[in-house]
Amino acid sequence: MKFDEWLNNYMNNPACDEPRLTVQLKRAWDAAEKNLKPDGQVQLEQRVSQQTALRKFVDDEMTEIDKDERFHYKPATVFENAPLAMIQVAMETRMQLLKEFKSRLSG
């Protein structure tokens, strides 16, 4: 399955719990896709450039999550600290989505 098909399937999945990030990824993909020209070597170079830009976006997002100290706290429970637990779950979900995105982009 091509990356753009995977992303569309993920975005249309009712279990998608990080819709804001998937919309950002889709916009980045579409913007890069729009700049491609139907010209053999030029298209290949642009595709590499597109993937490099998307990898940078993903790496920047992963770095932001990793820098947040709450991501490294002991996992909170809803009974101890509900707001922190919700933040940690969202961060973990976002990190997993970014890792999946990066692996699909590379493969």
PDB file of N, CA and C in Angstrom:
ATOM      1  N   MET A   1       0.844  -1.175   0.000  1.00  0.00           N
ATOM      2  CA  MET A   1       0.000   0.000   0.000  1.00  0.00           C
ATOM      3  C   MET A   1       0.891   1.241   0.000  1.00  0.00           C
ATOM      4  N   LYS A   2       0.561   2.172  -0.865  1.00  0.00           N
ATOM      5  CA  LYS A   2       1.332   3.401  -0.941  1.00  0.00           C
ATOM      6  C   LYS A   2       1.051   4.245   0.302  1.00  0.00           C
ATOM      7  N   PHE A   3       2.019   5.112   0.613  1.00  0.00           N
ATOM      8  CA  PHE A   3       1.902   5.912   1.819  1.00  0.00           C
ATOM      9  C   PHE A   3       0.638   6.758   1.831  1.00  0.00           C
ATOM     10  N   ASP A   4       0.329   7.429   0.717  1.00  0.00           N
ATOM     11  CA  ASP A   4      -0.843   8.302   0.707  1.00  0.00           C
ATOM     12  C   ASP A   4      -2.126   7.499   0.904  1.00  0.00           C
ATOM     13  N   GLU A   5      -2.189   6.259   0.401  1.00  0.00           N
ATOM     14  CA  GLU A   5      -3.353   5.402   0.629  1.00  0.00           C
ATOM     15  C   GLU A   5      -3.451   5.032   2.105  1.00  0.00           C
ATOM     16  N   TRP A   6      -2.295   4.690   2.702  1.00  0.00           N
ATOM     17  CA  TRP A   6      -2.290   4.348   4.125  1.00  0.00           C
ATOM     18  C   TRP A   6      -2.793   5.521   4.957  1.00  0.00           C
ATOM     19  N   LEU A   7      -2.302   6.741   4.658  1.00  0.00           N
ATOM     20  CA  LEU A   7      -2.700   7.917   5.423  1.00  0.00           C
ATOM     21  C   LEU A   7      -4.189   8.184   5.268  1.00  0.00           C
ATOM     22  N   ASN A   8      -4.714   8.071   4.065  1.00  0.00           N
ATOM     23  CA  ASN A   8      -6.147   8.264   3.856  1.00  0.00           C
ATOM     24  C   ASN A   8      -6.956   7.228   4.620  1.00  0.00           C
ATOM     25  N   ASN A   9      -6.523   5.967   4.580  1.00  0.00           N
ATOM     26  CA  ASN A   9      -7.220   4.921   5.331  1.00  0.00           C
ATOM     27  C   ASN A   9      -7.187   5.211   6.828  1.00  0.00           C
ATOM     28  N   TYR A  10      -6.019   5.664   7.315  1.00  0.00           N
ATOM     29  CA  TYR A  10      -5.887   5.960   8.739  1.00  0.00           C
ATOM     30  C   TYR A  10      -6.802   7.117   9.137  1.00  0.00           C
ATOM     31  N   MET A  11      -6.819   8.159   8.303  1.00  0.00           N
ATOM     32  CA  MET A  11      -7.642   9.336   8.617  1.00  0.00           C
ATOM     33  C   MET A  11      -9.127   9.004   8.614  1.00  0.00           C
ATOM     34  N   ASN A  12      -9.550   8.068   7.767  1.00  0.00           N
ATOM     35  CA  ASN A  12     -10.964   7.713   7.667  1.00  0.00           C
ATOM     36  C   ASN A  12     -11.373   6.631   8.649  1.00  0.00           C
ATOM     37  N   ASN A  13     -10.427   6.149   9.426  1.00  0.00           N
ATOM     38  CA  ASN A  13     -10.706   5.123  10.421  1.00  0.00           C
ATOM     39  C   ASN A  13     -11.375   5.772  11.631  1.00  0.00           C
ATOM     40  N   PRO A  14     -12.534   5.270  12.047  1.00  0.00           N
ATOM     41  CA  PRO A  14     -13.206   5.867  13.210  1.00  0.00           C
ATOM     42  C   PRO A  14     -12.382   5.770  14.496  1.00  0.00           C
ATOM     43  N   ALA A  15     -11.410   4.858  14.534  1.00  0.00           N
ATOM     44  CA  ALA A  15     -10.569   4.708  15.720  1.00  0.00           C
ATOM     45  C   ALA A  15      -9.403   5.695  15.718  1.00  0.00           C
ATOM     46  N   CYS A  16      -9.296   6.521  14.700  1.00  0.00           N
ATOM     47  CA  CYS A  16      -8.206   7.497  14.620  1.00  0.00           C
ATOM     48  C   CYS A  16      -8.326   8.465  15.787  1.00  0.00           C
ATOM     49  N   ASP A  17      -7.373   8.403  16.701  1.00  0.00           N
ATOM     50  CA  ASP A  17      -7.469   9.220  17.904  1.00  0.00           C
ATOM     51  C   ASP A  17      -6.528  10.422  17.870  1.00  0.00           C
ATOM     52  N   GLU A  18      -5.926  10.696  16.738  1.00  0.00           N
ATOM     53  CA  GLU A  18      -5.061  11.870  16.625  1.00  0.00           C
ATOM     54  C   GLU A  18      -5.384  12.572  15.300  1.00  0.00           C
ATOM     55  N   PRO A  19      -6.635  13.049  15.139  1.00  0.00           N
ATOM     56  CA  PRO A  19      -7.038  13.628  13.851  1.00  0.00           C
ATOM     57  C   PRO A  19      -6.281  14.893  13.477  1.00  0.00           C
ATOM     58  N   ARG A  20      -5.905  15.706  14.461  1.00  0.00           N
ATOM     59  CA  ARG A  20      -5.203  16.956  14.144  1.00  0.00           C
ATOM     60  C   ARG A  20      -3.855  16.670  13.493  1.00  0.00           C
ATOM     61  N   LEU A  21      -3.124  15.699  14.025  1.00  0.00           N
ATOM     62  CA  LEU A  21      -1.822  15.351  13.457  1.00  0.00           C
ATOM     63  C   LEU A  21      -1.980  14.747  12.072  1.00  0.00           C
ATOM     64  N   THR A  22      -2.966  13.875  11.877  1.00  0.00           N
ATOM     65  CA  THR A  22      -3.135  13.269  10.563  1.00  0.00           C
ATOM     66  C   THR A  22      -3.502  14.319   9.528  1.00  0.00           C
ATOM     67  N   VAL A  23      -4.248  15.328   9.922  1.00  0.00           N
ATOM     68  CA  VAL A  23      -4.563  16.412   8.991  1.00  0.00           C
ATOM     69  C   VAL A  23      -3.288  17.186   8.649  1.00  0.00           C
ATOM     70  N   GLN A  24      -2.433  17.443   9.632  1.00  0.00           N
ATOM     71  CA  GLN A  24      -1.166  18.126   9.377  1.00  0.00           C
ATOM     72  C   GLN A  24      -0.291  17.304   8.430  1.00  0.00           C
ATOM     73  N   LEU A  25      -0.215  16.001   8.663  1.00  0.00           N
ATOM     74  CA  LEU A  25       0.585  15.131   7.806  1.00  0.00           C
ATOM     75  C   LEU A  25       0.021  15.103   6.389  1.00  0.00           C
ATOM     76  N   LYS A  26      -1.310  15.029   6.278  1.00  0.00           N
ATOM     77  CA  LYS A  26      -1.953  15.010   4.956  1.00  0.00           C
ATOM     78  C   LYS A  26      -1.684  16.312   4.215  1.00  0.00           C
ATOM     79  N   ARG A  27      -1.765  17.439   4.912  1.00  0.00           N
ATOM     80  CA  ARG A  27      -1.485  18.724   4.264  1.00  0.00           C
ATOM     81  C   ARG A  27      -0.035  18.807   3.796  1.00  0.00           C
ATOM     82  N   ALA A  28       0.890  18.331   4.625  1.00  0.00           N
ATOM     83  CA  ALA A  28       2.304  18.343   4.234  1.00  0.00           C
ATOM     84  C   ALA A  28       2.521  17.454   3.017  1.00  0.00           C
ATOM     85  N   TRP A  29       1.889  16.289   3.004  1.00  0.00           N
ATOM     86  CA  TRP A  29       2.014  15.374   1.872  1.00  0.00           C
ATOM     87  C   TRP A  29       1.431  16.008   0.609  1.00  0.00           C
ATOM     88  N   ASP A  30       0.227  16.583   0.720  1.00  0.00           N
ATOM     89  CA  ASP A  30      -0.427  17.184  -0.445  1.00  0.00           C
ATOM     90  C   ASP A  30       0.360  18.364  -0.996  1.00  0.00           C
ATOM     91  N   ALA A  31       0.912  19.185  -0.101  1.00  0.00           N
ATOM     92  CA  ALA A  31       1.697  20.338  -0.553  1.00  0.00           C
ATOM     93  C   ALA A  31       2.938  19.865  -1.311  1.00  0.00           C
ATOM     94  N   ALA A  32       3.588  18.848  -0.791  1.00  0.00           N
ATOM     95  CA  ALA A  32       4.773  18.322  -1.466  1.00  0.00           C
ATOM     96  C   ALA A  32       4.383  17.638  -2.775  1.00  0.00           C
ATOM     97  N   GLU A  33       3.263  16.951  -2.785  1.00  0.00           N
ATOM     98  CA  GLU A  33       2.789  16.248  -3.989  1.00  0.00           C
ATOM     99  C   GLU A  33       2.438  17.251  -5.096  1.00  0.00           C
ATOM    100  N   LYS A  34       1.883  18.391  -4.726  1.00  0.00           N
ATOM    101  CA  LYS A  34       1.482  19.402  -5.697  1.00  0.00           C
ATOM    102  C   LYS A  34       2.692  19.968  -6.454  1.00  0.00           C
ATOM    103  N   ASN A  35       3.849  19.986  -5.817  1.00  0.00           N
ATOM    104  CA  ASN A  35       5.043  20.554  -6.424  1.00  0.00           C
ATOM    105  C   ASN A  35       5.768  19.593  -7.369  1.00  0.00           C
ATOM    106  N   LEU A  36       5.300  18.356  -7.458  1.00  0.00           N
ATOM    107  CA  LEU A  36       5.953  17.379  -8.335  1.00  0.00           C
ATOM    108  C   LEU A  36       5.593  17.654  -9.795  1.00  0.00           C
ATOM    109  N   LYS A  37       6.570  17.479 -10.664  1.00  0.00           N
ATOM    110  CA  LYS A  37       6.345  17.651 -12.107  1.00  0.00           C
ATOM    111  C   LYS A  37       6.457  16.278 -12.778  1.00  0.00           C
ATOM    112  N   PRO A  38       5.663  16.045 -13.831  1.00  0.00           N
ATOM    113  CA  PRO A  38       5.700  14.737 -14.500  1.00  0.00           C
ATOM    114  C   PRO A  38       6.895  14.610 -15.436  1.00  0.00           C
ATOM    115  N   ASP A  39       8.085  14.628 -14.882  1.00  0.00           N
ATOM    116  CA  ASP A  39       9.298  14.627 -15.681  1.00  0.00           C
ATOM    117  C   ASP A  39      10.284  13.651 -15.046  1.00  0.00           C
ATOM    118  N   GLY A  40      10.533  12.496 -15.645  1.00  0.00           N
ATOM    119  CA  GLY A  40      11.397  11.434 -15.156  1.00  0.00           C
ATOM    120  C   GLY A  40      12.327  11.750 -14.001  1.00  0.00           C
ATOM    121  N   GLN A  41      13.549  12.217 -14.297  1.00  0.00           N
ATOM    122  CA  GLN A  41      14.565  12.459 -13.281  1.00  0.00           C
ATOM    123  C   GLN A  41      14.157  13.574 -12.328  1.00  0.00           C
ATOM    124  N   VAL A  42      13.549  14.618 -12.883  1.00  0.00           N
ATOM    125  CA  VAL A  42      13.119  15.733 -12.032  1.00  0.00           C
ATOM    126  C   VAL A  42      12.100  15.242 -11.017  1.00  0.00           C
ATOM    127  N   GLN A  43      11.182  14.377 -11.458  1.00  0.00           N
ATOM    128  CA  GLN A  43      10.165  13.852 -10.552  1.00  0.00           C
ATOM    129  C   GLN A  43      10.813  13.026  -9.439  1.00  0.00           C
ATOM    130  N   LEU A  44      11.816  12.218  -9.787  1.00  0.00           N
ATOM    131  CA  LEU A  44      12.508  11.419  -8.781  1.00  0.00           C
ATOM    132  C   LEU A  44      13.197  12.323  -7.755  1.00  0.00           C
ATOM    133  N   GLU A  45      13.874  13.352  -8.222  1.00  0.00           N
ATOM    134  CA  GLU A  45      14.543  14.286  -7.315  1.00  0.00           C
ATOM    135  C   GLU A  45      13.526  14.998  -6.430  1.00  0.00           C
ATOM    136  N   GLN A  46      12.393  15.366  -6.998  1.00  0.00           N
ATOM    137  CA  GLN A  46      11.368  16.045  -6.215  1.00  0.00           C
ATOM    138  C   GLN A  46      10.747  15.106  -5.195  1.00  0.00           C
ATOM    139  N   ARG A  47      10.582  13.831  -5.573  1.00  0.00           N
ATOM    140  CA  ARG A  47      10.021  12.848  -4.640  1.00  0.00           C
ATOM    141  C   ARG A  47      10.960  12.674  -3.452  1.00  0.00           C
ATOM    142  N   VAL A  48      12.267  12.620  -3.723  1.00  0.00           N
ATOM    143  CA  VAL A  48      13.252  12.522  -2.640  1.00  0.00           C
ATOM    144  C   VAL A  48      13.187  13.767  -1.771  1.00  0.00           C
ATOM    145  N   SER A  49      13.066  14.926  -2.404  1.00  0.00           N
ATOM    146  CA  SER A  49      12.959  16.187  -1.666  1.00  0.00           C
ATOM    147  C   SER A  49      11.694  16.198  -0.805  1.00  0.00           C
ATOM    148  N   GLN A  50      10.602  15.691  -1.357  1.00  0.00           N
ATOM    149  CA  GLN A  50       9.340  15.619  -0.626  1.00  0.00           C
ATOM    150  C   GLN A  50       9.496  14.728   0.601  1.00  0.00           C
ATOM    151  N   GLN A  51      10.097  13.570   0.414  1.00  0.00           N
ATOM    152  CA  GLN A  51      10.270  12.652   1.534  1.00  0.00           C
ATOM    153  C   GLN A  51      11.202  13.236   2.581  1.00  0.00           C
ATOM    154  N   THR A  52      12.224  13.960   2.152  1.00  0.00           N
ATOM    155  CA  THR A  52      13.134  14.603   3.098  1.00  0.00           C
ATOM    156  C   THR A  52      12.397  15.645   3.928  1.00  0.00           C
ATOM    157  N   ALA A  53      11.555  16.431   3.285  1.00  0.00           N
ATOM    158  CA  ALA A  53      10.783  17.450   3.998  1.00  0.00           C
ATOM    159  C   ALA A  53       9.811  16.800   4.987  1.00  0.00           C
ATOM    160  N   LEU A  54       9.177  15.720   4.591  1.00  0.00           N
ATOM    161  CA  LEU A  54       8.246  15.029   5.488  1.00  0.00           C
ATOM    162  C   LEU A  54       8.980  14.380   6.653  1.00  0.00           C
ATOM    163  N   ARG A  55      10.163  13.789   6.382  1.00  0.00           N
ATOM    164  CA  ARG A  55      10.964  13.205   7.475  1.00  0.00           C
ATOM    165  C   ARG A  55      11.364  14.279   8.477  1.00  0.00           C
ATOM    166  N   LYS A  56      11.745  15.457   7.966  1.00  0.00           N
ATOM    167  CA  LYS A  56      12.124  16.557   8.854  1.00  0.00           C
ATOM    168  C   LYS A  56      10.935  16.970   9.715  1.00  0.00           C
ATOM    169  N   PHE A  57       9.752  17.061   9.114  1.00  0.00           N
ATOM    170  CA  PHE A  57       8.538  17.401   9.862  1.00  0.00           C
ATOM    171  C   PHE A  57       8.296  16.382  10.967  1.00  0.00           C
ATOM    172  N   VAL A  58       8.388  15.100  10.625  1.00  0.00           N
ATOM    173  CA  VAL A  58       8.155  14.035  11.604  1.00  0.00           C
ATOM    174  C   VAL A  58       9.212  14.086  12.702  1.00  0.00           C
ATOM    175  N   ASP A  59      10.481  14.238  12.322  1.00  0.00           N
ATOM    176  CA  ASP A  59      11.552  14.305  13.322  1.00  0.00           C
ATOM    177  C   ASP A  59      11.371  15.500  14.255  1.00  0.00           C
ATOM    178  N   ASP A  60      10.969  16.640  13.708  1.00  0.00           N
ATOM    179  CA  ASP A  60      10.725  17.824  14.542  1.00  0.00           C
ATOM    180  C   ASP A  60       9.587  17.579  15.528  1.00  0.00           C
ATOM    181  N   GLU A  61       8.516  16.960  15.057  1.00  0.00           N
ATOM    182  CA  GLU A  61       7.384  16.654  15.935  1.00  0.00           C
ATOM    183  C   GLU A  61       7.794  15.671  17.038  1.00  0.00           C
ATOM    184  N   MET A  62       8.574  14.641  16.669  1.00  0.00           N
ATOM    185  CA  MET A  62       9.019  13.655  17.656  1.00  0.00           C
ATOM    186  C   MET A  62       9.952  14.299  18.682  1.00  0.00           C
ATOM    187  N   THR A  63      10.783  15.220  18.243  1.00  0.00           N
ATOM    188  CA  THR A  63      11.692  15.928  19.144  1.00  0.00           C
ATOM    189  C   THR A  63      10.902  16.774  20.132  1.00  0.00           C
ATOM    190  N   GLU A  64       9.859  17.429  19.643  1.00  0.00           N
ATOM    191  CA  GLU A  64       9.017  18.254  20.532  1.00  0.00           C
ATOM    192  C   GLU A  64       8.391  17.400  21.631  1.00  0.00           C
ATOM    193  N   ILE A  65       7.891  16.245  21.265  1.00  0.00           N
ATOM    194  CA  ILE A  65       7.284  15.357  22.263  1.00  0.00           C
ATOM    195  C   ILE A  65       8.344  14.872  23.239  1.00  0.00           C
ATOM    196  N   ASP A  66       9.490  14.481  22.711  1.00  0.00           N
ATOM    197  CA  ASP A  66      10.562  13.952  23.552  1.00  0.00           C
ATOM    198  C   ASP A  66      11.088  15.005  24.524  1.00  0.00           C
ATOM    199  N   LYS A  67      11.071  16.271  24.129  1.00  0.00           N
ATOM    200  CA  LYS A  67      11.561  17.341  25.011  1.00  0.00           C
ATOM    201  C   LYS A  67      10.601  17.622  26.169  1.00  0.00           C
ATOM    202  N   ASP A  68       9.349  17.283  26.004  1.00  0.00           N
ATOM    203  CA  ASP A  68       8.355  17.537  27.056  1.00  0.00           C
ATOM    204  C   ASP A  68       8.589  16.565  28.210  1.00  0.00           C
ATOM    205  N   GLU A  69       8.868  17.102  29.388  1.00  0.00           N
ATOM    206  CA  GLU A  69       9.206  16.237  30.522  1.00  0.00           C
ATOM    207  C   GLU A  69       8.050  15.340  30.938  1.00  0.00           C
ATOM    208  N   ARG A  70       6.814  15.745  30.666  1.00  0.00           N
ATOM    209  CA  ARG A  70       5.660  14.917  31.036  1.00  0.00           C
ATOM    210  C   ARG A  70       5.673  13.583  30.297  1.00  0.00           C
ATOM    211  N   PHE A  71       6.285  13.548  29.127  1.00  0.00           N
ATOM    212  CA  PHE A  71       6.360  12.313  28.346  1.00  0.00           C
ATOM    213  C   PHE A  71       7.213  11.276  29.072  1.00  0.00           C
ATOM    214  N   HIS A  72       8.149  11.728  29.897  1.00  0.00           N
ATOM    215  CA  HIS A  72       9.088  10.828  30.578  1.00  0.00           C
ATOM    216  C   HIS A  72       8.706  10.544  32.026  1.00  0.00           C
ATOM    217  N   TYR A  73       7.625  11.164  32.496  1.00  0.00           N
ATOM    218  CA  TYR A  73       7.151  10.865  33.854  1.00  0.00           C
ATOM    219  C   TYR A  73       6.646   9.425  33.917  1.00  0.00           C
ATOM    220  N   LYS A  74       6.598   8.918  35.155  1.00  0.00           N
ATOM    221  CA  LYS A  74       5.958   7.623  35.385  1.00  0.00           C
ATOM    222  C   LYS A  74       4.511   7.759  34.898  1.00  0.00           C
ATOM    223  N   PRO A  75       4.001   6.776  34.164  1.00  0.00           N
ATOM    224  CA  PRO A  75       2.629   6.887  33.656  1.00  0.00           C
ATOM    225  C   PRO A  75       1.617   7.114  34.782  1.00  0.00           C
ATOM    226  N   ALA A  76       0.824   8.149  34.614  1.00  0.00           N
ATOM    227  CA  ALA A  76      -0.200   8.489  35.610  1.00  0.00           C
ATOM    228  C   ALA A  76      -1.459   7.674  35.324  1.00  0.00           C
ATOM    229  N   THR A  77      -2.250   7.507  36.350  1.00  0.00           N
ATOM    230  CA  THR A  77      -3.554   6.856  36.161  1.00  0.00           C
ATOM    231  C   THR A  77      -4.633   7.921  36.262  1.00  0.00           C
ATOM    232  N   VAL A  78      -5.780   7.592  35.771  1.00  0.00           N
ATOM    233  CA  VAL A  78      -6.900   8.535  35.811  1.00  0.00           C
ATOM    234  C   VAL A  78      -7.300   8.818  37.245  1.00  0.00           C
ATOM    235  N   PHE A  79      -7.074   7.876  38.152  1.00  0.00           N
ATOM    236  CA  PHE A  79      -7.466   8.060  39.536  1.00  0.00           C
ATOM    237  C   PHE A  79      -6.503   8.953  40.310  1.00  0.00           C
ATOM    238  N   GLU A  80      -5.216   8.952  39.933  1.00  0.00           N
ATOM    239  CA  GLU A  80      -4.221   9.789  40.622  1.00  0.00           C
ATOM    240  C   GLU A  80      -4.199  11.206  40.056  1.00  0.00           C
ATOM    241  N   ASN A  81      -4.116  11.279  38.733  1.00  0.00           N
ATOM    242  CA  ASN A  81      -3.930  12.577  38.076  1.00  0.00           C
ATOM    243  C   ASN A  81      -4.501  12.477  36.662  1.00  0.00           C
ATOM    244  N   ALA A  82      -5.798  12.670  36.551  1.00  0.00           N
ATOM    245  CA  ALA A  82      -6.488  12.482  35.275  1.00  0.00           C
ATOM    246  C   ALA A  82      -5.944  13.379  34.150  1.00  0.00           C
ATOM    247  N   PRO A  83      -5.718  14.675  34.409  1.00  0.00           N
ATOM    248  CA  PRO A  83      -5.218  15.514  33.312  1.00  0.00           C
ATOM    249  C   PRO A  83      -3.857  15.032  32.779  1.00  0.00           C
ATOM    250  N   LEU A  84      -2.948  14.665  33.683  1.00  0.00           N
ATOM    251  CA  LEU A  84      -1.647  14.174  33.256  1.00  0.00           C
ATOM    252  C   LEU A  84      -1.793  12.854  32.495  1.00  0.00           C
ATOM    253  N   ALA A  85      -2.662  11.982  32.969  1.00  0.00           N
ATOM    254  CA  ALA A  85      -2.872  10.702  32.292  1.00  0.00           C
ATOM    255  C   ALA A  85      -3.365  10.925  30.867  1.00  0.00           C
ATOM    256  N   MET A  86      -4.280  11.861  30.692  1.00  0.00           N
ATOM    257  CA  MET A  86      -4.803  12.141  29.354  1.00  0.00           C
ATOM    258  C   MET A  86      -3.715  12.730  28.453  1.00  0.00           C
ATOM    259  N   ILE A  87      -2.901  13.614  29.006  1.00  0.00           N
ATOM    260  CA  ILE A  87      -1.799  14.214  28.238  1.00  0.00           C
ATOM    261  C   ILE A  87      -0.805  13.138  27.824  1.00  0.00           C
ATOM    262  N   GLN A  88      -0.453  12.262  28.759  1.00  0.00           N
ATOM    263  CA  GLN A  88       0.512  11.212  28.457  1.00  0.00           C
ATOM    264  C   GLN A  88      -0.013  10.241  27.399  1.00  0.00           C
ATOM    265  N   VAL A  89      -1.277   9.900  27.480  1.00  0.00           N
ATOM    266  CA  VAL A  89      -1.865   9.008  26.482  1.00  0.00           C
ATOM    267  C   VAL A  89      -1.843   9.685  25.116  1.00  0.00           C
ATOM    268  N   ALA A  90      -2.185  10.964  25.062  1.00  0.00           N
ATOM    269  CA  ALA A  90      -2.168  11.694  23.792  1.00  0.00           C
ATOM    270  C   ALA A  90      -0.752  11.774  23.229  1.00  0.00           C
ATOM    271  N   MET A  91       0.217  12.025  24.088  1.00  0.00           N
ATOM    272  CA  MET A  91       1.603  12.111  23.628  1.00  0.00           C
ATOM    273  C   MET A  91       2.097  10.759  23.116  1.00  0.00           C
ATOM    274  N   GLU A  92       1.775   9.703  23.830  1.00  0.00           N
ATOM    275  CA  GLU A  92       2.193   8.363  23.415  1.00  0.00           C
ATOM    276  C   GLU A  92       1.536   7.983  22.085  1.00  0.00           C
ATOM    277  N   THR A  93       0.262   8.304  21.946  1.00  0.00           N
ATOM    278  CA  THR A  93      -0.447   8.016  20.698  1.00  0.00           C
ATOM    279  C   THR A  93       0.166   8.786  19.542  1.00  0.00           C
ATOM    280  N   ARG A  94       0.453  10.044  19.782  1.00  0.00           N
ATOM    281  CA  ARG A  94       1.060  10.884  18.750  1.00  0.00           C
ATOM    282  C   ARG A  94       2.443  10.343  18.349  1.00  0.00           C
ATOM    283  N   MET A  95       3.229   9.933  19.343  1.00  0.00           N
ATOM    284  CA  MET A  95       4.556   9.392  19.072  1.00  0.00           C
ATOM    285  C   MET A  95       4.445   8.104  18.257  1.00  0.00           C
ATOM    286  N   GLN A  96       3.507   7.227  18.606  1.00  0.00           N
ATOM    287  CA  GLN A  96       3.327   5.985  17.861  1.00  0.00           C
ATOM    288  C   GLN A  96       2.904   6.269  16.420  1.00  0.00           C
ATOM    289  N   LEU A  97       2.016   7.245  16.238  1.00  0.00           N
ATOM    290  CA  LEU A  97       1.584   7.603  14.889  1.00  0.00           C
ATOM    291  C   LEU A  97       2.751   8.150  14.074  1.00  0.00           C
ATOM    292  N   LEU A  98       3.566   8.985  14.684  1.00  0.00           N
ATOM    293  CA  LEU A  98       4.726   9.541  13.982  1.00  0.00           C
ATOM    294  C   LEU A  98       5.719   8.441  13.601  1.00  0.00           C
ATOM    295  N   LYS A  99       5.933   7.486  14.497  1.00  0.00           N
ATOM    296  CA  LYS A  99       6.835   6.371  14.189  1.00  0.00           C
ATOM    297  C   LYS A  99       6.282   5.532  13.039  1.00  0.00           C
ATOM    298  N   GLU A 100       4.983   5.272  13.072  1.00  0.00           N
ATOM    299  CA  GLU A 100       4.348   4.516  11.988  1.00  0.00           C
ATOM    300  C   GLU A 100       4.455   5.282  10.678  1.00  0.00           C
ATOM    301  N   PHE A 101       4.200   6.570  10.736  1.00  0.00           N
ATOM    302  CA  PHE A 101       4.303   7.445   9.563  1.00  0.00           C
ATOM    303  C   PHE A 101       5.712   7.380   8.983  1.00  0.00           C
ATOM    304  N   LYS A 102       6.706   7.479   9.851  1.00  0.00           N
ATOM    305  CA  LYS A 102       8.095   7.466   9.414  1.00  0.00           C
ATOM    306  C   LYS A 102       8.475   6.122   8.785  1.00  0.00           C
ATOM    307  N   SER A 103       8.012   5.027   9.387  1.00  0.00           N
ATOM    308  CA  SER A 103       8.316   3.716   8.814  1.00  0.00           C
ATOM    309  C   SER A 103       7.629   3.516   7.470  1.00  0.00           C
ATOM    310  N   ARG A 104       6.411   4.006   7.326  1.00  0.00           N
ATOM    311  CA  ARG A 104       5.705   3.906   6.042  1.00  0.00           C
ATOM    312  C   ARG A 104       6.372   4.775   4.985  1.00  0.00           C
ATOM    313  N   LEU A 105       6.866   5.913   5.409  1.00  0.00           N
ATOM    314  CA  LEU A 105       7.523   6.826   4.486  1.00  0.00           C
ATOM    315  C   LEU A 105       8.825   6.223   3.966  1.00  0.00           C
ATOM    316  N   SER A 106       9.530   5.516   4.845  1.00  0.00           N
ATOM    317  CA  SER A 106      10.813   4.905   4.471  1.00  0.00           C
ATOM    318  C   SER A 106      10.611   3.657   3.624  1.00  0.00           C
ATOM    319  N   GLY A 107       9.518   2.944   3.892  1.00  0.00           N
ATOM    320  CA  GLY A 107       9.305   1.662   3.219  1.00  0.00           C
ATOM    321  C   GLY A 107       8.564   1.720   1.960  1.00  0.00           C
TER     322      GLY A 107
END
